[in-house]
Amino acid sequence: MKKKILAIDDELTMTTLLEFFLGNNYDVVTVNSGKEALKWLDGNLPDLIISDIQMSDLDGFEFLKQFRLRGYTKHTPVIMLSGRAESKERVKCYKLGAQDYLTKPFNPEELDEVVKKNLYPIHYANAW
C-alpha cells in the first residue's frame, strides 16, 4: 500500500505539479485550502503533509498551528512550501512544528529527497 501525502495549495498549478512528481510512488490527495485540509483531516490521516504558506482563507502558519493542536496528528511530518526564502519564515515554520521547508519553484529531485527523508527518516538513502 502506498504512503498517503496530503498536498495543500490554493494554486491548481502547484497541486498538479505535486501530483505529477509524487503520484507514481505515493497516493497524493490534493486540497485547495487550509480549511478544506482540516475538514479532510477529520476523517483521514496522511503519512505526510505538504502545505503552502500563502493561502487566502487560512494561511499555512495558522493551518500548522491548528493541525498540531490535534493530539492524533502531532507526529505527522509536515513540509512547508513558500515563494519566500527568508530565514525568519523558515524559523517560524520550524517553531510551529514543520519538519522541512522548500521554496518555490522547487527542484523535483530535492522534493523527492525531502519526502523520502520525512517518510523514511533513517533508511531513505540508497547508499551510505
Foldseek 3Di string as FASTA:
>chain_A
DFFEEEEEALDPVVLVVCCVLCVVRHHYHYDHDLVVVVVVVVPDDGQEYEYEQDDDPAGPLRSLQVQCVDVVRVLRAYEYEEQDDDPVVQVSCVVSRHPYYAYPPGDSVVVVQVVQCSNPVPPSDPPD
